[in-house]
Protein backbone atom coordinates (compact mmCIF):
# COMPACT_ATOMS: atom_id res chain seq x y z
CA UNK A 1 18.10 -40.67 24.74
CA UNK A 2 20.07 -37.57 23.93
CA UNK A 3 18.97 -34.58 25.91
CA UNK A 4 18.07 -31.57 23.83
CA UNK A 5 20.05 -28.59 24.30
CA UNK A 6 18.52 -25.20 24.92
CA UNK A 7 19.45 -24.06 21.39
CA UNK A 8 17.68 -27.06 19.92
CA UNK A 9 14.46 -26.42 21.94
CA UNK A 10 14.60 -22.78 20.86
CA UNK A 11 14.98 -23.36 17.10
CA UNK A 12 12.15 -26.28 17.22
CA UNK A 13 9.89 -23.79 19.17
CA UNK A 14 10.59 -21.00 16.78
CA UNK A 15 9.99 -23.25 13.74
CA UNK A 16 6.87 -24.45 15.40
CA UNK A 17 5.58 -21.02 15.85
CA UNK A 18 6.06 -20.14 12.25
CA UNK A 19 4.37 -23.33 10.96
CA UNK A 20 1.24 -22.77 13.19
CA UNK A 21 1.24 -19.04 12.27
CA UNK A 22 1.05 -19.94 8.44
CA UNK A 23 -1.83 -22.37 9.22
CA UNK A 24 -3.94 -19.57 10.79
CA UNK A 25 -6.19 -17.36 8.64
CA UNK A 26 -6.59 -14.62 11.20
CA UNK A 27 -4.05 -11.90 10.21
CA UNK A 28 -3.59 -10.63 13.82
CA UNK A 29 -3.01 -14.18 15.28
CA UNK A 30 -0.75 -15.04 12.46
CA UNK A 31 1.43 -12.03 13.14
CA UNK A 32 1.57 -12.53 16.92
CA UNK A 33 2.66 -16.17 16.30
CA UNK A 34 5.45 -15.00 13.92
CA UNK A 35 6.41 -12.31 16.30
CA UNK A 36 6.80 -15.01 19.02
CA UNK A 37 8.75 -17.23 16.55
CA UNK A 38 11.19 -14.42 15.61
CA UNK A 39 11.81 -13.61 19.27
CA UNK A 40 12.76 -17.29 19.93
CA UNK A 41 15.13 -17.32 16.80
CA UNK A 42 16.83 -14.25 18.13
CA UNK A 43 17.30 -15.96 21.43
CA UNK A 44 18.61 -19.09 19.50
CA UNK A 45 21.09 -16.93 17.60
CA UNK A 46 22.32 -15.49 20.92
CA UNK A 47 23.06 -18.89 22.63
CA UNK A 48 23.75 -21.30 19.85
CA UNK A 49 27.41 -20.23 19.38
CA UNK A 50 30.13 -19.20 21.82
CA UNK A 51 29.46 -15.69 20.57
CA UNK A 52 26.10 -14.29 19.47
CA UNK A 53 25.34 -14.39 15.71
CA UNK A 54 24.91 -10.68 15.47
CA UNK A 55 24.17 -10.41 11.83
CA UNK A 56 21.33 -13.03 12.08
CA UNK A 57 20.16 -11.25 15.29
CA UNK A 58 19.92 -7.90 13.59
CA UNK A 59 18.29 -9.33 10.59
CA UNK A 60 15.59 -11.08 12.70
CA UNK A 61 15.02 -7.97 14.72
CA UNK A 62 14.44 -6.02 11.43
CA UNK A 63 11.96 -8.54 10.42
CA UNK A 64 10.29 -8.45 13.87
CA UNK A 65 10.05 -4.67 13.73
CA UNK A 66 8.32 -4.72 10.37
CA UNK A 67 5.99 -7.29 11.70
CA UNK A 68 5.17 -5.13 14.74
CA UNK A 69 4.37 -2.21 12.48
CA UNK A 70 2.13 -4.37 10.41
CA UNK A 71 0.39 -5.58 13.44
CA UNK A 72 -0.05 -2.13 14.72
CA UNK A 73 -1.68 -1.07 11.53
CA UNK A 74 -4.02 -4.10 11.63
CA UNK A 75 -5.04 -3.42 15.06
CA UNK A 76 -5.55 0.33 14.39
CA UNK A 77 -7.68 -0.46 11.35
CA UNK A 78 -10.07 -2.51 13.65
CA UNK A 79 -10.05 0.17 16.57
CA UNK A 80 -12.54 2.84 16.90
CA UNK A 81 -9.44 5.15 17.71
CA UNK A 82 -9.01 5.33 13.95
CA UNK A 83 -12.31 7.26 13.66
CA UNK A 84 -11.68 10.99 12.97
CA UNK A 85 -13.30 12.93 15.89
CA UNK A 86 -15.61 15.00 13.64
CA UNK A 87 -17.15 11.85 12.13
CA UNK A 88 -17.58 9.89 15.23
CA UNK A 89 -21.19 10.69 15.46
CA UNK A 90 -22.02 9.13 12.11
CA UNK A 91 -19.95 5.97 12.30
CA UNK A 92 -23.10 4.05 13.01
CA UNK A 93 -24.24 4.83 9.40
CA UNK A 94 -21.17 3.11 8.04
CA UNK A 95 -20.66 0.44 10.71
CA UNK A 96 -20.27 -2.30 8.13
CA UNK A 97 -16.83 -0.73 7.44
CA UNK A 98 -13.94 -1.34 9.85
CA UNK A 99 -12.69 1.95 11.62
CA UNK A 100 -9.64 2.23 9.42
CA UNK A 101 -11.43 2.09 6.06
CA UNK A 102 -14.09 4.42 7.45
CA UNK A 103 -11.32 6.76 8.19
CA UNK A 104 -10.10 6.57 4.71
CA UNK A 105 -13.35 7.36 3.26
CA UNK A 106 -14.03 10.26 5.64
CA UNK A 107 -10.54 11.85 4.73
CA UNK A 108 -11.99 12.45 1.27
CA UNK A 109 -15.23 13.84 2.43
CA UNK A 110 -16.57 17.25 2.99
CA UNK A 111 -19.18 17.47 5.65
CA UNK A 112 -21.77 20.35 5.13
CA UNK A 113 -25.00 21.79 6.10
CA UNK A 114 -27.32 22.39 3.12
CA UNK A 115 -30.54 24.38 2.90
CA UNK A 116 -33.95 22.90 1.90
CA UNK A 117 -34.16 22.79 -1.94
CA UNK A 118 -30.56 22.32 -2.41
CA UNK A 119 -30.10 20.32 -5.44
CA UNK A 120 -27.68 17.46 -5.49
CA UNK A 121 -28.07 15.82 -8.93
CA UNK A 122 -29.53 16.89 -12.35
CA UNK A 123 -31.20 14.44 -14.60
CA UNK A 124 -29.19 13.40 -17.51
CA UNK A 125 -26.28 15.43 -16.41
CA UNK A 126 -23.03 13.70 -15.35
CA UNK A 127 -22.59 13.35 -11.54
CA UNK A 128 -19.45 15.27 -10.12
CA UNK A 129 -20.18 14.78 -6.54
CA UNK A 130 -21.28 11.74 -4.73
CA UNK A 131 -23.51 12.53 -1.66
CA UNK A 132 -24.56 10.88 1.53
CA UNK A 133 -27.50 12.50 3.40
CA UNK A 134 -26.99 12.14 6.92
CA UNK A 135 -30.03 13.91 7.93
CA UNK A 136 -32.90 15.55 5.83
CA UNK A 137 -35.46 13.96 3.52
CA UNK A 138 -34.62 13.60 -0.09
CA UNK A 139 -36.96 14.61 -2.95
CA UNK A 140 -36.51 12.90 -6.29
CA UNK A 141 -37.86 14.00 -9.46
CA UNK A 142 -37.81 11.54 -12.48
CA UNK A 143 -39.86 11.69 -15.72
CA UNK A 144 -42.33 14.03 -14.27
CA UNK A 145 -42.95 12.07 -11.20
CA UNK A 146 -41.84 12.98 -7.77
CA UNK A 147 -41.28 10.92 -4.63
CA UNK A 148 -39.13 11.12 -1.29
CA UNK A 149 -36.40 8.98 0.19
CA UNK A 150 -35.40 8.96 3.87
CA UNK A 151 -32.20 10.18 5.22
CA UNK A 152 -29.27 7.97 5.63
CA UNK A 153 -28.78 7.32 1.94
CA UNK A 154 -26.41 8.04 -0.92
CA UNK A 155 -27.22 10.20 -3.80
CA UNK A 156 -25.57 9.48 -7.09
CA UNK A 157 -24.17 6.39 -6.52
CA UNK A 158 -25.47 4.45 -9.45
CA UNK A 159 -23.94 7.08 -11.75
CA UNK A 160 -20.64 6.75 -9.67
CA UNK A 161 -20.65 3.07 -10.27
CA UNK A 162 -21.61 3.00 -13.98
CA UNK A 163 -20.17 6.48 -15.06
CA UNK A 164 -23.54 7.24 -16.60
CA UNK A 165 -25.31 10.52 -16.19
CA UNK A 166 -27.88 11.02 -13.34
CA UNK A 167 -31.15 9.30 -13.99
CA UNK A 168 -33.15 11.78 -11.83
CA UNK A 169 -32.88 15.14 -10.26
CA UNK A 170 -32.58 15.13 -6.46
CA UNK A 171 -33.16 17.88 -3.74
CA UNK A 172 -33.16 18.27 -0.17
CA UNK A 173 -36.69 18.47 1.01
CA UNK A 174 -35.53 20.05 4.18
CA UNK A 175 -32.31 21.48 5.69
CA UNK A 176 -29.90 18.68 5.88
CA UNK A 177 -26.38 17.45 6.98
CA UNK A 178 -24.65 15.95 4.21
CA UNK A 179 -21.27 14.24 3.14
CA UNK A 180 -19.88 15.19 -0.25
CA UNK A 181 -17.08 13.41 -2.11
CA UNK A 182 -15.48 14.52 -5.53
CA UNK A 183 -16.20 11.78 -7.69
CA UNK A 184 -12.73 11.90 -9.78
CA UNK A 185 -10.80 11.92 -6.47
CA UNK A 186 -12.74 9.06 -5.13
CA UNK A 187 -12.21 6.95 -8.10
CA UNK A 188 -8.49 7.88 -8.31
CA UNK A 189 -8.11 6.66 -4.68
CA UNK A 190 -9.99 3.45 -5.38
CA UNK A 191 -7.69 2.74 -8.30
CA UNK A 192 -4.65 3.06 -6.05
CA UNK A 193 -5.92 1.15 -3.05
CA UNK A 194 -7.72 -2.14 -3.67
CA UNK A 195 -8.74 -2.48 -0.05
CA UNK A 196 -10.37 0.88 -0.16
CA UNK A 197 -12.15 0.07 -3.42
CA UNK A 198 -13.55 -3.15 -1.97
CA UNK A 199 -14.78 -1.24 1.18
CA UNK A 200 -16.44 1.52 -0.93
CA UNK A 201 -18.10 -1.05 -3.09
CA UNK A 202 -19.58 -2.85 -0.20
CA UNK A 203 -20.95 0.11 1.48
CA UNK A 204 -22.61 1.43 -1.77
CA UNK A 205 -23.87 -1.97 -2.59
CA UNK A 206 -25.45 -2.32 0.85
CA UNK A 207 -27.12 1.21 0.44
CA UNK A 208 -28.55 0.10 -2.97
CA UNK A 209 -29.85 -3.19 -1.37
CA UNK A 210 -31.57 -1.13 1.29
CA UNK A 211 -33.35 1.03 -1.38
CA UNK A 212 -34.46 -1.90 -3.21
CA UNK A 213 -35.94 -3.46 -0.05
CA UNK A 214 -37.70 -0.08 0.70
CA UNK A 215 -39.17 0.04 -2.70
CA UNK A 216 -40.45 -3.37 -2.54
CA UNK A 217 -42.00 -2.67 0.86
CA UNK A 218 -43.67 0.47 -0.66
CA UNK A 219 -45.03 -1.58 -3.63
CA UNK A 220 -46.53 -4.13 -1.20
CA UNK A 221 -48.17 -1.41 0.73
CA UNK A 222 -49.56 0.21 -2.43
CA UNK A 223 -50.98 -3.10 -3.64
CA UNK A 224 -52.61 -3.91 -0.23
CA UNK A 225 -54.42 -0.46 -0.47
CA UNK A 226 -55.59 -1.09 -3.83
CA UNK A 227 -56.93 -4.58 -2.80
C-alpha cells in the first residue's frame, strides 16, 4: 500500500474539516471547523510544491481572517461584554435577547426618570414613542374605566406593531424609570436589520403574552370572589 505523503494527509484533513463543518448547525462550531480546515489548507499549500503556493496561501489567509472576524462577532453577540454599562442593571428584564441584540435595542433607547402622572399614550392618538417601564406602576384609562399594570411592561407596543392609534391613555401612577424609543427610528432600524426585527418582535410578543396571562389570572380571581 502506498504511503500517504504529508501533503495528501493535510488536504484530506482540511477537506474533512470543511465537510464536518457544513454538517453542523451551530454557527460557532461551524466557523471553528472551517478555520481549522483553512489552516490545514494553508499548510498544504506551503508543502505541496517545491516552493510555497503563495497566491493560494494569501487567498486562504484572507478567507480565514474574514472567518475570524465573523466568529468574533458571533461570540461578542452571545457575551455579556456586549451589554452597555448603563443598561447592565436592566438586562434581566430582556434576558430572552442575546446580549448583542440587547445592545442594538438599547442603542436606540433613551432612559429617563419620569414623575408620577406622566402621560405616555393618549387614547385614539398615534403613538410616537414606545415605552418600557422599568419601575413604577402604570395607570391605564380606557372607555371611562381605570386599572393598573405592574412595572416591567411595554406601553404602546400594540400600536407600534399595528400602526393604529393608542386604544387607551396611560400614565405613571408613581415616579418611574422608563426606556423610550422613537417609533419611526425603531421601525427604520427593523427594516434594515432582519435579525434585529426578529429579536424586537420576540421580546414584544413575550411581553404581550405575559399581559394576557396576568389578565387571565385577574379574571379568575374576580370570578372566585363572586362565587
